[in-house]
């Protein structure tokens, strides 16, 4: 049985990659200061790039019915945390800017019509 990805690990590494980029430190300096291995840093940087690229490609055979996982709201400290919606069919929607409830409702409706 394939191991399911842990979304909290991805969230951790997305935040870590953003913090390193804002820090002005080299990867070596940042990893040393955060007690991280450089190999883990590079792995997650590639993995997140792969996942982001994969999420841009629509799945040719979406799963029947659309289901959603429980929602966990995370605050990244700047009050503008992005929203990520992952449908069981494989579609991923990332909202980077503030969005109205109506806008999100329309996006979710459009996703449900794809299945």
C-alpha atoms as a PDB file:
ATOM      1  CA  UNK A   1       0.000   0.000   0.000  1.00  0.00           C
ATOM      2  CA  UNK A   2       1.400   3.404  -0.975  1.00  0.00           C
ATOM      3  CA  UNK A   3       2.147   5.811   1.835  1.00  0.00           C
ATOM      4  CA  UNK A   4      -0.080   8.907   1.740  1.00  0.00           C
ATOM      5  CA  UNK A   5       1.731  12.248   1.882  1.00  0.00           C
ATOM      6  CA  UNK A   6       1.508  14.081   5.205  1.00  0.00           C
ATOM      7  CA  UNK A   7       0.051  17.550   4.471  1.00  0.00           C
ATOM      8  CA  UNK A   8       1.560  18.981   7.663  1.00  0.00           C
ATOM      9  CA  UNK A   9       5.073  18.114   6.403  1.00  0.00           C
ATOM     10  CA  UNK A  10       4.399  19.885   3.128  1.00  0.00           C
ATOM     11  CA  UNK A  11       3.055  22.914   4.999  1.00  0.00           C
ATOM     12  CA  UNK A  12       6.123  22.935   7.240  1.00  0.00           C
ATOM     13  CA  UNK A  13       8.494  22.816   4.282  1.00  0.00           C
ATOM     14  CA  UNK A  14       6.607  25.426   2.239  1.00  0.00           C
ATOM     15  CA  UNK A  15       6.912  27.810   5.176  1.00  0.00           C
ATOM     16  CA  UNK A  16      10.545  26.863   5.709  1.00  0.00           C
ATOM     17  CA  UNK A  17      11.409  27.502   2.050  1.00  0.00           C
ATOM     18  CA  UNK A  18       9.698  30.927   2.195  1.00  0.00           C
ATOM     19  CA  UNK A  19      11.515  31.827   5.425  1.00  0.00           C
ATOM     20  CA  UNK A  20      14.875  30.866   3.927  1.00  0.00           C
ATOM     21  CA  UNK A  21      14.192  32.964   0.828  1.00  0.00           C
ATOM     22  CA  UNK A  22      13.329  35.993   2.990  1.00  0.00           C
ATOM     23  CA  UNK A  23      16.254  35.429   5.365  1.00  0.00           C
ATOM     24  CA  UNK A  24      19.002  36.445   2.962  1.00  0.00           C
ATOM     25  CA  UNK A  25      21.077  33.498   4.223  1.00  0.00           C
ATOM     26  CA  UNK A  26      22.597  30.832   2.065  1.00  0.00           C
ATOM     27  CA  UNK A  27      20.970  27.414   2.209  1.00  0.00           C
ATOM     28  CA  UNK A  28      23.899  26.126   4.274  1.00  0.00           C
ATOM     29  CA  UNK A  29      23.656  28.988   6.775  1.00  0.00           C
ATOM     30  CA  UNK A  30      19.889  28.703   7.060  1.00  0.00           C
ATOM     31  CA  UNK A  31      19.896  24.921   7.526  1.00  0.00           C
ATOM     32  CA  UNK A  32      22.588  25.199  10.196  1.00  0.00           C
ATOM     33  CA  UNK A  33      20.636  27.900  12.046  1.00  0.00           C
ATOM     34  CA  UNK A  34      17.391  25.861  11.861  1.00  0.00           C
ATOM     35  CA  UNK A  35      19.038  22.501  12.642  1.00  0.00           C
ATOM     36  CA  UNK A  36      17.929  21.078   9.272  1.00  0.00           C
ATOM     37  CA  UNK A  37      19.898  18.861   6.939  1.00  0.00           C
ATOM     38  CA  UNK A  38      20.711  20.325   3.566  1.00  0.00           C
ATOM     39  CA  UNK A  39      19.686  17.073   1.905  1.00  0.00           C
ATOM     40  CA  UNK A  40      16.171  17.356   3.424  1.00  0.00           C
ATOM     41  CA  UNK A  41      15.981  20.998   2.349  1.00  0.00           C
ATOM     42  CA  UNK A  42      16.918  20.172  -1.250  1.00  0.00           C
ATOM     43  CA  UNK A  43      14.606  17.146  -1.340  1.00  0.00           C
ATOM     44  CA  UNK A  44      11.599  19.204  -0.199  1.00  0.00           C
ATOM     45  CA  UNK A  45      12.424  22.074  -2.546  1.00  0.00           C
ATOM     46  CA  UNK A  46      12.370  19.630  -5.502  1.00  0.00           C
ATOM     47  CA  UNK A  47       9.314  17.789  -4.164  1.00  0.00           C
ATOM     48  CA  UNK A  48       7.276  20.972  -3.765  1.00  0.00           C
ATOM     49  CA  UNK A  49       8.297  22.144  -7.235  1.00  0.00           C
ATOM     50  CA  UNK A  50       7.194  18.751  -8.593  1.00  0.00           C
ATOM     51  CA  UNK A  51       3.877  18.866  -6.751  1.00  0.00           C
ATOM     52  CA  UNK A  52       3.199  22.412  -7.918  1.00  0.00           C
ATOM     53  CA  UNK A  53       3.965  21.501 -11.525  1.00  0.00           C
ATOM     54  CA  UNK A  54       1.841  18.347 -11.276  1.00  0.00           C
ATOM     55  CA  UNK A  55      -1.107  20.278  -9.874  1.00  0.00           C
ATOM     56  CA  UNK A  56      -1.187  22.418 -13.027  1.00  0.00           C
ATOM     57  CA  UNK A  57      -1.894  19.343 -15.154  1.00  0.00           C
ATOM     58  CA  UNK A  58      -5.569  18.303 -14.985  1.00  0.00           C
ATOM     59  CA  UNK A  59      -6.139  14.624 -14.368  1.00  0.00           C
ATOM     60  CA  UNK A  60      -7.530  12.864 -17.427  1.00  0.00           C
ATOM     61  CA  UNK A  61      -9.847  10.614 -15.425  1.00  0.00           C
ATOM     62  CA  UNK A  62     -11.136  12.372 -12.309  1.00  0.00           C
ATOM     63  CA  UNK A  63     -12.490  10.229  -9.484  1.00  0.00           C
ATOM     64  CA  UNK A  64     -16.241   9.827  -9.212  1.00  0.00           C
ATOM     65  CA  UNK A  65     -17.912  12.340  -6.912  1.00  0.00           C
ATOM     66  CA  UNK A  66     -16.072  15.150  -5.276  1.00  0.00           C
ATOM     67  CA  UNK A  67     -15.152  14.809  -1.641  1.00  0.00           C
ATOM     68  CA  UNK A  68     -13.216  17.130   0.606  1.00  0.00           C
ATOM     69  CA  UNK A  69     -10.948  16.521   3.542  1.00  0.00           C
ATOM     70  CA  UNK A  70     -11.356  18.303   6.863  1.00  0.00           C
ATOM     71  CA  UNK A  71     -10.018  21.856   6.811  1.00  0.00           C
ATOM     72  CA  UNK A  72      -7.208  23.059   9.028  1.00  0.00           C
ATOM     73  CA  UNK A  73      -6.532  26.796   9.065  1.00  0.00           C
ATOM     74  CA  UNK A  74      -2.913  27.748   9.553  1.00  0.00           C
ATOM     75  CA  UNK A  75      -1.638  31.250  10.208  1.00  0.00           C
ATOM     76  CA  UNK A  76       1.733  31.995   8.660  1.00  0.00           C
ATOM     77  CA  UNK A  77       2.157  35.062  10.854  1.00  0.00           C
ATOM     78  CA  UNK A  78       1.565  37.738   8.244  1.00  0.00           C
ATOM     79  CA  UNK A  79      -2.228  37.521   8.154  1.00  0.00           C
ATOM     80  CA  UNK A  80      -2.277  36.657   4.450  1.00  0.00           C
ATOM     81  CA  UNK A  81      -1.937  32.887   4.447  1.00  0.00           C
ATOM     82  CA  UNK A  82      -2.814  31.347   1.078  1.00  0.00           C
ATOM     83  CA  UNK A  83      -5.711  28.934   0.784  1.00  0.00           C
ATOM     84  CA  UNK A  84      -5.192  25.556  -0.856  1.00  0.00           C
ATOM     85  CA  UNK A  85      -8.117  23.334  -1.826  1.00  0.00           C
ATOM     86  CA  UNK A  86      -7.295  19.762  -2.831  1.00  0.00           C
ATOM     87  CA  UNK A  87     -10.145  17.801  -4.404  1.00  0.00           C
ATOM     88  CA  UNK A  88     -10.221  14.011  -4.230  1.00  0.00           C
ATOM     89  CA  UNK A  89     -10.172  14.008  -8.038  1.00  0.00           C
ATOM     90  CA  UNK A  90      -6.675  15.470  -7.965  1.00  0.00           C
ATOM     91  CA  UNK A  91      -7.449  19.066  -8.816  1.00  0.00           C
ATOM     92  CA  UNK A  92      -5.688  21.635  -6.652  1.00  0.00           C
ATOM     93  CA  UNK A  93      -6.805  25.249  -6.302  1.00  0.00           C
ATOM     94  CA  UNK A  94      -4.469  27.742  -4.648  1.00  0.00           C
ATOM     95  CA  UNK A  95      -5.793  31.160  -3.718  1.00  0.00           C
ATOM     96  CA  UNK A  96      -2.860  33.455  -3.010  1.00  0.00           C
ATOM     97  CA  UNK A  97      -4.766  36.712  -2.591  1.00  0.00           C
ATOM     98  CA  UNK A  98      -7.767  37.527  -0.469  1.00  0.00           C
ATOM     99  CA  UNK A  99     -10.891  36.087  -2.094  1.00  0.00           C
ATOM    100  CA  UNK A 100     -14.535  36.694  -1.386  1.00  0.00           C
ATOM    101  CA  UNK A 101     -16.799  33.920  -0.214  1.00  0.00           C
ATOM    102  CA  UNK A 102     -18.744  34.272  -3.450  1.00  0.00           C
ATOM    103  CA  UNK A 103     -15.578  33.836  -5.528  1.00  0.00           C
ATOM    104  CA  UNK A 104     -14.596  30.670  -3.640  1.00  0.00           C
ATOM    105  CA  UNK A 105     -18.155  29.341  -3.930  1.00  0.00           C
ATOM    106  CA  UNK A 106     -18.016  29.778  -7.724  1.00  0.00           C
ATOM    107  CA  UNK A 107     -14.616  28.056  -7.917  1.00  0.00           C
ATOM    108  CA  UNK A 108     -15.896  25.107  -5.871  1.00  0.00           C
ATOM    109  CA  UNK A 109     -19.023  24.890  -8.010  1.00  0.00           C
ATOM    110  CA  UNK A 110     -16.892  24.804 -11.176  1.00  0.00           C
ATOM    111  CA  UNK A 111     -14.742  22.034  -9.645  1.00  0.00           C
ATOM    112  CA  UNK A 112     -17.807  19.966  -8.797  1.00  0.00           C
ATOM    113  CA  UNK A 113     -18.963  20.218 -12.411  1.00  0.00           C
ATOM    114  CA  UNK A 114     -15.657  18.752 -13.653  1.00  0.00           C
ATOM    115  CA  UNK A 115     -16.326  15.409 -11.990  1.00  0.00           C
END
